[in-house]
Amino acid sequence: MPEQNAFAAERQRLARALSPAPVAATAFGDEGRAGDGQIAAAVLVPLVLRETGLAVLFTQRTDHLRDHPSQISFPGGRAEPEDDSPAATALREAREEIGLPSRHVEVIGYLPDYHTITGYRVTPVVAFVTPPFALTLDAFEVADTFEAPLAFLMDAANHREFVVRNGGASRRFFAIPYGQRFIWGATAGMLLSLHRALSA
């Protein structure tokens, strides 16, 4: 495992950068509708403590899902009546989707809410995940999981801007290619939000 003082330094750096409570969305990455009528949701942004440093745990969605098939995402989903906080939603969804035991997870803060074009207000819940742990994937929703180094994801040199043209219209979006993986959409937006917070 990393030296304890290095882990403590990462903890302090993230604690300074993140909000201790859920916050409203600001600036980059906020797409589409906002305000009343949005569906509350939360995702877990899992930072896994590995010997080589922090790694981010992702899921790859199955290709038959109605919403965002095959995309890379964080574990998460819409809030349920029994959830008393965004953290409760994120932890429950992580247990249901990938079998991540909550006892291995320590919530350390929040990123600004992310508003999606499909009408969700998503609260990113950032947490440390302590190995060893075993994952059990929900085969209906999750095709695969993988980890990527946080240092790679936070390096601005790896943030790419793309333009998609459809007829006479064009749309710009940011993505982070990682090997054969292509991290884009809301997931990339939240990672860029984390990058901004850590760079502030």
N, C-alpha and C. Protein backbone atom coordinates (compact mmCIF):
# COMPACT_ATOMS: atom_id res chain seq x y z
N MET A 1 0.86 -1.21 0.00
CA MET A 1 0.00 0.00 0.00
C MET A 1 0.88 1.25 0.00
N PRO A 2 0.39 2.36 -0.49
CA PRO A 2 1.19 3.59 -0.44
C PRO A 2 1.55 3.95 0.98
N GLU A 3 2.62 4.71 1.11
CA GLU A 3 3.02 5.17 2.43
C GLU A 3 1.86 5.93 3.07
N GLN A 4 1.70 5.75 4.38
CA GLN A 4 0.57 6.35 5.07
C GLN A 4 0.58 7.87 4.95
N ASN A 5 1.78 8.47 4.97
CA ASN A 5 1.82 9.93 4.88
C ASN A 5 1.40 10.41 3.49
N ALA A 6 1.70 9.62 2.44
CA ALA A 6 1.26 9.98 1.10
C ALA A 6 -0.26 9.91 1.00
N PHE A 7 -0.84 8.89 1.59
CA PHE A 7 -2.29 8.76 1.60
C PHE A 7 -2.92 9.92 2.36
N ALA A 8 -2.32 10.30 3.47
CA ALA A 8 -2.84 11.42 4.26
C ALA A 8 -2.76 12.71 3.46
N ALA A 9 -1.69 12.88 2.67
CA ALA A 9 -1.56 14.08 1.86
C ALA A 9 -2.65 14.14 0.79
N GLU A 10 -2.94 12.99 0.17
CA GLU A 10 -4.02 12.94 -0.82
C GLU A 10 -5.36 13.26 -0.18
N ARG A 11 -5.56 12.73 1.01
CA ARG A 11 -6.80 12.99 1.73
C ARG A 11 -6.97 14.48 1.99
N GLN A 12 -5.91 15.13 2.44
CA GLN A 12 -5.98 16.56 2.73
C GLN A 12 -6.22 17.37 1.46
N ARG A 13 -5.55 16.99 0.37
CA ARG A 13 -5.69 17.71 -0.89
C ARG A 13 -7.13 17.61 -1.41
N LEU A 14 -7.71 16.42 -1.34
CA LEU A 14 -9.07 16.23 -1.81
C LEU A 14 -10.07 16.91 -0.88
N ALA A 15 -9.82 16.84 0.41
CA ALA A 15 -10.72 17.48 1.37
C ALA A 15 -10.79 18.99 1.13
N ARG A 16 -9.64 19.59 0.76
CA ARG A 16 -9.62 21.03 0.47
C ARG A 16 -10.38 21.34 -0.82
N ALA A 17 -10.32 20.43 -1.79
CA ALA A 17 -10.89 20.70 -3.11
C ALA A 17 -12.38 20.43 -3.19
N LEU A 18 -12.86 19.46 -2.40
CA LEU A 18 -14.25 19.03 -2.50
C LEU A 18 -15.13 19.76 -1.52
N SER A 19 -16.41 19.79 -1.84
CA SER A 19 -17.37 20.35 -0.89
C SER A 19 -17.72 19.29 0.15
N PRO A 20 -17.85 19.65 1.42
CA PRO A 20 -18.24 18.67 2.45
C PRO A 20 -19.71 18.30 2.38
N ALA A 21 -20.50 19.01 1.57
CA ALA A 21 -21.93 18.74 1.43
C ALA A 21 -22.31 18.93 -0.03
N PRO A 22 -23.41 18.33 -0.48
CA PRO A 22 -23.84 18.50 -1.87
C PRO A 22 -23.99 19.98 -2.24
N VAL A 23 -23.58 20.30 -3.47
CA VAL A 23 -23.62 21.69 -3.92
C VAL A 23 -24.31 21.76 -5.28
N ALA A 24 -24.80 22.96 -5.62
CA ALA A 24 -25.45 23.16 -6.91
C ALA A 24 -24.42 23.18 -8.02
N ALA A 25 -24.87 22.83 -9.21
CA ALA A 25 -23.97 22.79 -10.35
C ALA A 25 -23.52 24.18 -10.77
N THR A 26 -22.32 24.26 -11.30
CA THR A 26 -21.80 25.52 -11.82
C THR A 26 -21.03 25.25 -13.10
N ALA A 27 -21.11 26.17 -14.03
CA ALA A 27 -20.24 26.26 -15.20
C ALA A 27 -20.15 24.97 -16.01
N PHE A 28 -18.90 24.55 -16.29
CA PHE A 28 -18.65 23.53 -17.31
C PHE A 28 -19.37 22.22 -17.03
N GLY A 29 -19.86 21.62 -18.11
CA GLY A 29 -20.43 20.29 -18.01
C GLY A 29 -21.91 20.26 -17.71
N ASP A 30 -22.52 21.39 -17.46
CA ASP A 30 -23.95 21.39 -17.17
C ASP A 30 -24.72 21.44 -18.48
N GLU A 31 -25.36 20.33 -18.82
CA GLU A 31 -26.05 20.25 -20.10
C GLU A 31 -27.55 20.20 -19.87
N GLY A 32 -28.29 20.86 -20.76
CA GLY A 32 -29.73 20.68 -20.79
C GLY A 32 -30.46 21.32 -19.64
N ARG A 33 -31.55 20.68 -19.26
CA ARG A 33 -32.50 21.28 -18.33
C ARG A 33 -31.92 21.41 -16.92
N ALA A 34 -32.40 22.40 -16.23
CA ALA A 34 -32.03 22.59 -14.82
C ALA A 34 -33.25 23.12 -14.10
N GLY A 35 -33.22 23.02 -12.80
CA GLY A 35 -34.31 23.58 -12.02
C GLY A 35 -35.37 22.56 -11.67
N ASP A 36 -36.59 23.04 -11.44
CA ASP A 36 -37.69 22.18 -11.00
C ASP A 36 -37.97 21.09 -12.02
N GLY A 37 -38.39 19.95 -11.52
CA GLY A 37 -38.78 18.85 -12.39
C GLY A 37 -37.68 17.88 -12.71
N GLN A 38 -36.47 18.16 -12.30
CA GLN A 38 -35.40 17.21 -12.55
C GLN A 38 -35.49 16.02 -11.59
N ILE A 39 -34.96 14.91 -12.03
CA ILE A 39 -34.97 13.68 -11.24
C ILE A 39 -33.67 13.62 -10.44
N ALA A 40 -33.78 13.48 -9.12
CA ALA A 40 -32.59 13.41 -8.26
C ALA A 40 -31.89 12.08 -8.45
N ALA A 41 -30.58 12.14 -8.60
CA ALA A 41 -29.77 10.94 -8.77
C ALA A 41 -28.40 11.21 -8.17
N ALA A 42 -27.62 10.15 -8.00
CA ALA A 42 -26.27 10.29 -7.46
C ALA A 42 -25.40 9.19 -8.03
N VAL A 43 -24.12 9.48 -8.17
CA VAL A 43 -23.14 8.47 -8.56
C VAL A 43 -22.01 8.46 -7.54
N LEU A 44 -21.37 7.32 -7.44
CA LEU A 44 -20.18 7.20 -6.60
C LEU A 44 -18.96 7.36 -7.50
N VAL A 45 -18.07 8.27 -7.13
CA VAL A 45 -16.79 8.42 -7.81
C VAL A 45 -15.76 7.72 -6.94
N PRO A 46 -15.48 6.43 -7.22
CA PRO A 46 -14.68 5.62 -6.29
C PRO A 46 -13.18 5.77 -6.56
N LEU A 47 -12.44 6.26 -5.59
CA LEU A 47 -10.99 6.40 -5.67
C LEU A 47 -10.38 5.26 -4.88
N VAL A 48 -9.80 4.31 -5.60
CA VAL A 48 -9.29 3.09 -4.97
C VAL A 48 -7.83 3.29 -4.59
N LEU A 49 -7.50 2.97 -3.35
CA LEU A 49 -6.13 3.11 -2.86
C LEU A 49 -5.32 1.88 -3.30
N ARG A 50 -4.47 2.06 -4.29
CA ARG A 50 -3.61 1.00 -4.80
C ARG A 50 -2.15 1.28 -4.45
N GLU A 51 -1.32 0.28 -4.59
CA GLU A 51 0.10 0.44 -4.27
C GLU A 51 0.75 1.53 -5.11
N THR A 52 0.26 1.70 -6.32
CA THR A 52 0.83 2.71 -7.22
C THR A 52 0.16 4.07 -7.08
N GLY A 53 -0.82 4.19 -6.19
CA GLY A 53 -1.53 5.44 -5.98
C GLY A 53 -3.02 5.28 -6.18
N LEU A 54 -3.72 6.38 -6.25
CA LEU A 54 -5.18 6.34 -6.39
C LEU A 54 -5.58 5.98 -7.82
N ALA A 55 -6.58 5.10 -7.91
CA ALA A 55 -7.16 4.73 -9.20
C ALA A 55 -8.66 4.94 -9.13
N VAL A 56 -9.26 5.28 -10.26
CA VAL A 56 -10.70 5.51 -10.33
C VAL A 56 -11.37 4.25 -10.89
N LEU A 57 -12.39 3.80 -10.20
CA LEU A 57 -13.12 2.60 -10.60
C LEU A 57 -14.32 3.00 -11.46
N PHE A 58 -14.42 2.42 -12.66
CA PHE A 58 -15.50 2.70 -13.60
C PHE A 58 -16.30 1.43 -13.89
N THR A 59 -17.51 1.65 -14.39
CA THR A 59 -18.30 0.55 -14.93
C THR A 59 -18.48 0.76 -16.43
N GLN A 60 -18.65 -0.34 -17.14
CA GLN A 60 -19.02 -0.31 -18.56
C GLN A 60 -20.44 -0.84 -18.64
N ARG A 61 -21.37 -0.01 -19.10
CA ARG A 61 -22.76 -0.41 -19.15
C ARG A 61 -23.00 -1.44 -20.26
N THR A 62 -23.98 -2.29 -20.07
CA THR A 62 -24.32 -3.28 -21.08
C THR A 62 -24.91 -2.59 -22.31
N ASP A 63 -24.84 -3.29 -23.45
CA ASP A 63 -25.22 -2.65 -24.71
C ASP A 63 -26.71 -2.69 -25.00
N HIS A 64 -27.51 -3.33 -24.13
CA HIS A 64 -28.95 -3.40 -24.40
C HIS A 64 -29.76 -2.41 -23.58
N LEU A 65 -29.10 -1.63 -22.73
CA LEU A 65 -29.83 -0.68 -21.89
C LEU A 65 -30.43 0.44 -22.74
N ARG A 66 -31.58 0.95 -22.30
CA ARG A 66 -32.24 2.02 -23.03
C ARG A 66 -31.45 3.32 -22.95
N ASP A 67 -30.94 3.64 -21.75
CA ASP A 67 -30.20 4.88 -21.54
C ASP A 67 -28.70 4.61 -21.54
N HIS A 68 -27.98 5.30 -22.42
CA HIS A 68 -26.52 5.28 -22.45
C HIS A 68 -25.94 3.86 -22.56
N PRO A 69 -26.41 3.04 -23.49
CA PRO A 69 -25.86 1.68 -23.62
C PRO A 69 -24.37 1.71 -23.95
N SER A 70 -23.64 0.78 -23.36
CA SER A 70 -22.21 0.57 -23.61
C SER A 70 -21.30 1.68 -23.10
N GLN A 71 -21.86 2.74 -22.54
CA GLN A 71 -21.02 3.85 -22.10
C GLN A 71 -20.29 3.52 -20.81
N ILE A 72 -19.18 4.22 -20.62
CA ILE A 72 -18.43 4.13 -19.37
C ILE A 72 -19.06 5.09 -18.38
N SER A 73 -19.25 4.62 -17.16
CA SER A 73 -19.95 5.43 -16.17
C SER A 73 -19.41 5.16 -14.78
N PHE A 74 -19.94 5.89 -13.82
CA PHE A 74 -19.73 5.60 -12.41
C PHE A 74 -20.94 4.82 -11.91
N PRO A 75 -20.77 4.00 -10.87
CA PRO A 75 -21.94 3.35 -10.28
C PRO A 75 -22.90 4.40 -9.74
N GLY A 76 -24.18 4.25 -10.03
CA GLY A 76 -25.13 5.22 -9.52
C GLY A 76 -26.47 5.10 -10.20
N GLY A 77 -27.39 5.97 -9.80
CA GLY A 77 -28.73 5.95 -10.36
C GLY A 77 -29.64 6.91 -9.63
N ARG A 78 -30.93 6.80 -9.91
CA ARG A 78 -31.88 7.73 -9.32
C ARG A 78 -32.09 7.45 -7.84
N ALA A 79 -32.43 8.50 -7.10
CA ALA A 79 -32.69 8.38 -5.67
C ALA A 79 -33.99 7.62 -5.43
N GLU A 80 -34.01 6.80 -4.40
CA GLU A 80 -35.20 6.08 -3.99
C GLU A 80 -35.72 6.68 -2.68
N PRO A 81 -37.03 6.45 -2.36
CA PRO A 81 -37.60 7.06 -1.15
C PRO A 81 -36.83 6.73 0.12
N GLU A 82 -36.21 5.56 0.18
CA GLU A 82 -35.50 5.18 1.40
C GLU A 82 -34.14 5.84 1.54
N ASP A 83 -33.65 6.49 0.49
CA ASP A 83 -32.34 7.15 0.54
C ASP A 83 -32.48 8.49 1.24
N ASP A 84 -31.71 8.70 2.28
CA ASP A 84 -31.82 9.95 3.03
C ASP A 84 -30.78 10.99 2.61
N SER A 85 -29.97 10.67 1.60
CA SER A 85 -28.94 11.61 1.14
C SER A 85 -28.40 11.12 -0.20
N PRO A 86 -27.73 12.01 -0.95
CA PRO A 86 -27.06 11.54 -2.17
C PRO A 86 -26.03 10.44 -1.89
N ALA A 87 -25.34 10.54 -0.75
CA ALA A 87 -24.37 9.49 -0.42
C ALA A 87 -25.06 8.14 -0.25
N ALA A 88 -26.24 8.14 0.38
CA ALA A 88 -26.98 6.89 0.56
C ALA A 88 -27.37 6.31 -0.79
N THR A 89 -27.79 7.17 -1.72
CA THR A 89 -28.13 6.71 -3.07
C THR A 89 -26.92 6.11 -3.76
N ALA A 90 -25.79 6.82 -3.71
CA ALA A 90 -24.58 6.34 -4.39
C ALA A 90 -24.09 5.02 -3.81
N LEU A 91 -24.10 4.90 -2.50
CA LEU A 91 -23.63 3.66 -1.87
C LEU A 91 -24.57 2.50 -2.18
N ARG A 92 -25.87 2.75 -2.15
CA ARG A 92 -26.83 1.69 -2.46
C ARG A 92 -26.67 1.23 -3.90
N GLU A 93 -26.57 2.18 -4.82
CA GLU A 93 -26.42 1.82 -6.23
C GLU A 93 -25.12 1.06 -6.47
N ALA A 94 -24.04 1.44 -5.79
CA ALA A 94 -22.77 0.72 -5.95
C ALA A 94 -22.89 -0.71 -5.45
N ARG A 95 -23.64 -0.91 -4.36
CA ARG A 95 -23.86 -2.28 -3.88
C ARG A 95 -24.68 -3.07 -4.89
N GLU A 96 -25.73 -2.45 -5.43
CA GLU A 96 -26.62 -3.16 -6.34
C GLU A 96 -25.97 -3.44 -7.69
N GLU A 97 -25.22 -2.49 -8.23
CA GLU A 97 -24.67 -2.62 -9.57
C GLU A 97 -23.41 -3.48 -9.62
N ILE A 98 -22.50 -3.28 -8.65
CA ILE A 98 -21.22 -3.98 -8.73
C ILE A 98 -20.87 -4.74 -7.44
N GLY A 99 -21.78 -4.75 -6.47
CA GLY A 99 -21.54 -5.49 -5.24
C GLY A 99 -20.43 -4.91 -4.38
N LEU A 100 -20.21 -3.59 -4.48
CA LEU A 100 -19.15 -2.96 -3.68
C LEU A 100 -19.63 -2.82 -2.23
N PRO A 101 -18.99 -3.49 -1.27
CA PRO A 101 -19.43 -3.40 0.12
C PRO A 101 -19.21 -1.99 0.68
N SER A 102 -20.20 -1.45 1.34
CA SER A 102 -20.11 -0.09 1.89
C SER A 102 -19.03 0.03 2.96
N ARG A 103 -18.69 -1.08 3.61
CA ARG A 103 -17.68 -1.01 4.67
C ARG A 103 -16.29 -0.68 4.11
N HIS A 104 -16.11 -0.82 2.80
CA HIS A 104 -14.84 -0.47 2.17
C HIS A 104 -14.81 0.97 1.66
N VAL A 105 -15.92 1.69 1.83
CA VAL A 105 -16.07 3.01 1.21
C VAL A 105 -16.13 4.10 2.26
N GLU A 106 -15.36 5.16 2.04
CA GLU A 106 -15.36 6.33 2.92
C GLU A 106 -15.65 7.57 2.09
N VAL A 107 -16.81 8.15 2.27
CA VAL A 107 -17.17 9.37 1.53
C VAL A 107 -16.31 10.53 2.02
N ILE A 108 -15.72 11.25 1.06
CA ILE A 108 -14.83 12.36 1.45
C ILE A 108 -15.32 13.71 0.96
N GLY A 109 -16.31 13.74 0.08
CA GLY A 109 -16.82 15.04 -0.36
C GLY A 109 -17.65 14.92 -1.63
N TYR A 110 -18.03 16.09 -2.16
CA TYR A 110 -18.96 16.15 -3.28
C TYR A 110 -18.46 17.11 -4.34
N LEU A 111 -18.80 16.80 -5.59
CA LEU A 111 -18.61 17.71 -6.70
C LEU A 111 -19.94 18.40 -7.01
N PRO A 112 -19.90 19.49 -7.78
CA PRO A 112 -21.16 20.15 -8.14
C PRO A 112 -22.11 19.21 -8.87
N ASP A 113 -23.41 19.39 -8.63
CA ASP A 113 -24.41 18.60 -9.33
C ASP A 113 -24.22 18.73 -10.84
N TYR A 114 -24.51 17.64 -11.53
CA TYR A 114 -24.39 17.60 -12.98
C TYR A 114 -25.78 17.42 -13.56
N HIS A 115 -26.22 18.35 -14.42
CA HIS A 115 -27.55 18.29 -15.01
C HIS A 115 -27.46 17.65 -16.40
N THR A 116 -28.21 16.59 -16.63
CA THR A 116 -28.14 15.88 -17.90
C THR A 116 -29.27 16.32 -18.82
N ILE A 117 -29.09 16.07 -20.12
CA ILE A 117 -30.11 16.42 -21.09
C ILE A 117 -31.33 15.52 -20.98
N THR A 118 -31.20 14.42 -20.24
CA THR A 118 -32.33 13.51 -20.04
C THR A 118 -33.13 13.85 -18.78
N GLY A 119 -32.80 14.97 -18.12
CA GLY A 119 -33.62 15.46 -17.02
C GLY A 119 -33.21 15.01 -15.64
N TYR A 120 -31.96 14.56 -15.47
CA TYR A 120 -31.48 14.15 -14.15
C TYR A 120 -30.57 15.21 -13.55
N ARG A 121 -30.68 15.38 -12.25
CA ARG A 121 -29.75 16.20 -11.47
C ARG A 121 -28.90 15.22 -10.67
N VAL A 122 -27.66 15.03 -11.12
CA VAL A 122 -26.80 13.98 -10.57
C VAL A 122 -25.79 14.59 -9.60
N THR A 123 -25.76 14.07 -8.39
CA THR A 123 -24.77 14.50 -7.40
C THR A 123 -23.60 13.52 -7.38
N PRO A 124 -22.39 13.95 -7.75
CA PRO A 124 -21.22 13.08 -7.68
C PRO A 124 -20.68 13.01 -6.25
N VAL A 125 -20.63 11.80 -5.71
CA VAL A 125 -20.18 11.56 -4.35
C VAL A 125 -18.78 10.92 -4.43
N VAL A 126 -17.77 11.64 -4.01
CA VAL A 126 -16.39 11.17 -4.12
C VAL A 126 -16.02 10.40 -2.85
N ALA A 127 -15.39 9.25 -3.03
CA ALA A 127 -15.10 8.40 -1.87
C ALA A 127 -13.80 7.63 -2.07
N PHE A 128 -13.13 7.35 -0.97
CA PHE A 128 -12.01 6.42 -0.98
C PHE A 128 -12.55 5.00 -0.85
N VAL A 129 -11.94 4.08 -1.58
CA VAL A 129 -12.29 2.66 -1.49
C VAL A 129 -11.03 1.90 -1.10
N THR A 130 -11.12 1.16 -0.01
CA THR A 130 -9.96 0.46 0.52
C THR A 130 -9.99 -1.01 0.13
N PRO A 131 -8.98 -1.49 -0.60
CA PRO A 131 -8.89 -2.92 -0.91
C PRO A 131 -8.47 -3.70 0.34
N PRO A 132 -8.61 -5.04 0.31
CA PRO A 132 -9.13 -5.83 -0.82
C PRO A 132 -10.65 -5.90 -0.77
N PHE A 133 -11.25 -5.97 -1.94
CA PHE A 133 -12.70 -6.14 -2.04
C PHE A 133 -12.99 -6.96 -3.29
N ALA A 134 -14.10 -7.66 -3.27
CA ALA A 134 -14.53 -8.44 -4.44
C ALA A 134 -15.80 -7.83 -4.98
N LEU A 135 -15.92 -7.77 -6.28
CA LEU A 135 -17.09 -7.19 -6.92
C LEU A 135 -17.97 -8.28 -7.53
N THR A 136 -19.27 -8.09 -7.44
CA THR A 136 -20.25 -8.98 -8.08
C THR A 136 -21.13 -8.11 -8.96
N LEU A 137 -20.99 -8.26 -10.28
CA LEU A 137 -21.65 -7.36 -11.20
C LEU A 137 -23.09 -7.78 -11.46
N ASP A 138 -23.96 -6.78 -11.55
CA ASP A 138 -25.33 -7.00 -12.01
C ASP A 138 -25.26 -7.16 -13.53
N ALA A 139 -25.42 -8.38 -14.00
CA ALA A 139 -25.19 -8.69 -15.41
C ALA A 139 -26.15 -7.95 -16.34
N PHE A 140 -27.30 -7.52 -15.83
CA PHE A 140 -28.25 -6.80 -16.68
C PHE A 140 -27.75 -5.40 -16.99
N GLU A 141 -27.12 -4.75 -16.00
CA GLU A 141 -26.71 -3.35 -16.15
C GLU A 141 -25.24 -3.17 -16.46
N VAL A 142 -24.38 -4.04 -15.95
CA VAL A 142 -22.94 -3.80 -16.00
C VAL A 142 -22.24 -4.93 -16.77
N ALA A 143 -21.57 -4.54 -17.86
CA ALA A 143 -20.84 -5.52 -18.66
C ALA A 143 -19.44 -5.77 -18.10
N ASP A 144 -18.85 -4.73 -17.48
CA ASP A 144 -17.46 -4.84 -17.05
C ASP A 144 -17.15 -3.71 -16.08
N THR A 145 -16.06 -3.86 -15.35
CA THR A 145 -15.49 -2.78 -14.55
C THR A 145 -14.00 -2.68 -14.87
N PHE A 146 -13.43 -1.51 -14.65
CA PHE A 146 -12.00 -1.34 -14.82
C PHE A 146 -11.56 -0.15 -14.00
N GLU A 147 -10.25 -0.03 -13.80
CA GLU A 147 -9.68 1.10 -13.07
C GLU A 147 -8.71 1.85 -13.97
N ALA A 148 -8.63 3.16 -13.75
CA ALA A 148 -7.66 4.01 -14.45
C ALA A 148 -6.98 4.89 -13.42
N PRO A 149 -5.69 5.14 -13.57
CA PRO A 149 -4.98 5.98 -12.59
C PRO A 149 -5.58 7.38 -12.51
N LEU A 150 -5.78 7.86 -11.30
CA LEU A 150 -6.29 9.21 -11.12
C LEU A 150 -5.35 10.23 -11.74
N ALA A 151 -4.04 10.00 -11.64
CA ALA A 151 -3.06 10.94 -12.19
C ALA A 151 -3.24 11.09 -13.70
N PHE A 152 -3.51 10.00 -14.40
CA PHE A 152 -3.75 10.06 -15.85
C PHE A 152 -5.00 10.86 -16.15
N LEU A 153 -6.07 10.60 -15.41
CA LEU A 153 -7.35 11.26 -15.66
C LEU A 153 -7.31 12.75 -15.33
N MET A 154 -6.45 13.14 -14.39
CA MET A 154 -6.35 14.53 -13.99
C MET A 154 -5.31 15.31 -14.79
N ASP A 155 -4.62 14.66 -15.73
CA ASP A 155 -3.62 15.33 -16.57
C ASP A 155 -4.35 15.99 -17.74
N ALA A 156 -4.30 17.31 -17.80
CA ALA A 156 -5.02 18.05 -18.84
C ALA A 156 -4.58 17.65 -20.24
N ALA A 157 -3.38 17.11 -20.39
CA ALA A 157 -2.90 16.67 -21.70
C ALA A 157 -3.74 15.51 -22.24
N ASN A 158 -4.45 14.82 -21.35
CA ASN A 158 -5.27 13.68 -21.77
C ASN A 158 -6.74 14.06 -21.99
N HIS A 159 -7.08 15.33 -21.84
CA HIS A 159 -8.44 15.79 -22.05
C HIS A 159 -8.57 16.28 -23.49
N ARG A 160 -9.43 15.64 -24.25
CA ARG A 160 -9.55 15.94 -25.67
C ARG A 160 -10.91 16.56 -25.99
N GLU A 161 -10.92 17.49 -26.91
CA GLU A 161 -12.17 18.08 -27.37
C GLU A 161 -12.51 17.52 -28.75
N PHE A 162 -13.75 17.12 -28.92
CA PHE A 162 -14.22 16.55 -30.18
C PHE A 162 -15.41 17.37 -30.68
N VAL A 163 -15.61 17.33 -31.99
CA VAL A 163 -16.75 18.00 -32.61
C VAL A 163 -17.52 16.98 -33.43
N VAL A 164 -18.83 16.89 -33.18
CA VAL A 164 -19.72 16.03 -33.95
C VAL A 164 -20.62 16.90 -34.78
N ARG A 165 -20.68 16.63 -36.07
CA ARG A 165 -21.53 17.41 -36.97
C ARG A 165 -22.71 16.57 -37.42
N ASN A 166 -23.88 17.15 -37.33
CA ASN A 166 -25.11 16.49 -37.75
C ASN A 166 -25.89 17.47 -38.63
N GLY A 167 -25.81 17.25 -39.94
CA GLY A 167 -26.41 18.21 -40.85
C GLY A 167 -25.65 19.52 -40.78
N GLY A 168 -26.36 20.61 -40.53
CA GLY A 168 -25.72 21.90 -40.43
C GLY A 168 -25.31 22.27 -39.02
N ALA A 169 -25.63 21.42 -38.06
CA ALA A 169 -25.32 21.71 -36.66
C ALA A 169 -24.07 20.95 -36.21
N SER A 170 -23.38 21.53 -35.25
CA SER A 170 -22.21 20.86 -34.68
C SER A 170 -22.28 20.95 -33.16
N ARG A 171 -21.72 19.95 -32.52
CA ARG A 171 -21.71 19.90 -31.06
C ARG A 171 -20.32 19.54 -30.58
N ARG A 172 -19.82 20.30 -29.63
CA ARG A 172 -18.50 20.04 -29.05
C ARG A 172 -18.66 19.28 -27.74
N PHE A 173 -17.76 18.35 -27.50
CA PHE A 173 -17.76 17.66 -26.21
C PHE A 173 -16.34 17.25 -25.87
N PHE A 174 -16.11 17.05 -24.58
CA PHE A 174 -14.81 16.62 -24.09
C PHE A 174 -14.85 15.13 -23.78
N ALA A 175 -13.71 14.48 -23.95
CA ALA A 175 -13.60 13.06 -23.65
C ALA A 175 -12.17 12.78 -23.18
N ILE A 176 -12.01 11.63 -22.53
CA ILE A 176 -10.70 11.19 -22.07
C ILE A 176 -10.49 9.78 -22.60
N PRO A 177 -9.77 9.62 -23.70
CA PRO A 177 -9.44 8.27 -24.17
C PRO A 177 -8.46 7.60 -23.20
N TYR A 178 -8.70 6.33 -22.91
CA TYR A 178 -7.81 5.58 -22.02
C TYR A 178 -7.64 4.19 -22.61
N GLY A 179 -6.52 3.96 -23.26
CA GLY A 179 -6.32 2.68 -23.95
C GLY A 179 -7.42 2.50 -24.99
N GLN A 180 -8.13 1.38 -24.91
CA GLN A 180 -9.24 1.11 -25.82
C GLN A 180 -10.56 1.68 -25.32
N ARG A 181 -10.53 2.33 -24.17
CA ARG A 181 -11.74 2.91 -23.59
C ARG A 181 -11.89 4.37 -24.00
N PHE A 182 -13.15 4.83 -24.03
CA PHE A 182 -13.44 6.21 -24.41
C PHE A 182 -14.41 6.77 -23.38
N ILE A 183 -13.88 7.60 -22.49
CA ILE A 183 -14.67 8.16 -21.39
C ILE A 183 -15.22 9.50 -21.84
N TRP A 184 -16.54 9.63 -21.92
CA TRP A 184 -17.14 10.87 -22.40
C TRP A 184 -18.46 11.09 -21.68
N GLY A 185 -19.23 12.06 -22.18
CA GLY A 185 -20.54 12.33 -21.60
C GLY A 185 -20.45 12.83 -20.17
N ALA A 186 -21.45 12.46 -19.36
CA ALA A 186 -21.52 12.93 -17.98
C ALA A 186 -20.30 12.49 -17.18
N THR A 187 -19.80 11.28 -17.46
CA THR A 187 -18.64 10.77 -16.71
C THR A 187 -17.43 11.66 -16.93
N ALA A 188 -17.16 12.01 -18.19
CA ALA A 188 -16.04 12.91 -18.49
C ALA A 188 -16.29 14.28 -17.88
N GLY A 189 -17.54 14.76 -17.93
CA GLY A 189 -17.85 16.06 -17.34
C GLY A 189 -17.55 16.10 -15.86
N MET A 190 -17.87 15.02 -15.14
CA MET A 190 -17.61 14.97 -13.69
C MET A 190 -16.11 14.89 -13.42
N LEU A 191 -15.38 14.14 -14.25
CA LEU A 191 -13.93 14.08 -14.08
C LEU A 191 -13.29 15.44 -14.32
N LEU A 192 -13.78 16.17 -15.30
CA LEU A 192 -13.25 17.51 -15.55
C LEU A 192 -13.63 18.46 -14.42
N SER A 193 -14.78 18.24 -13.81
CA SER A 193 -15.16 19.03 -12.64
C SER A 193 -14.18 18.76 -11.49
N LEU A 194 -13.81 17.49 -11.31
CA LEU A 194 -12.82 17.14 -10.28
C LEU A 194 -11.47 17.77 -10.61
N HIS A 195 -11.12 17.74 -11.89
CA HIS A 195 -9.84 18.36 -12.31
C HIS A 195 -9.82 19.85 -11.97
N ARG A 196 -10.92 20.54 -12.27
CA ARG A 196 -11.00 21.97 -11.95
C ARG A 196 -10.88 22.22 -10.46
N ALA A 197 -11.56 21.36 -9.68
CA ALA A 197 -11.52 21.54 -8.23
C ALA A 197 -10.10 21.35 -7.70
N LEU A 198 -9.40 20.34 -8.21
CA LEU A 198 -8.05 20.07 -7.73
C LEU A 198 -7.04 21.10 -8.23
N SER A 199 -7.39 21.76 -9.34
CA SER A 199 -6.46 22.76 -9.91
C SER A 199 -6.67 24.14 -9.34
N ALA A 200 -7.78 24.33 -8.62
CA ALA A 200 -8.11 25.67 -8.11
C ALA A 200 -7.10 26.11 -7.07
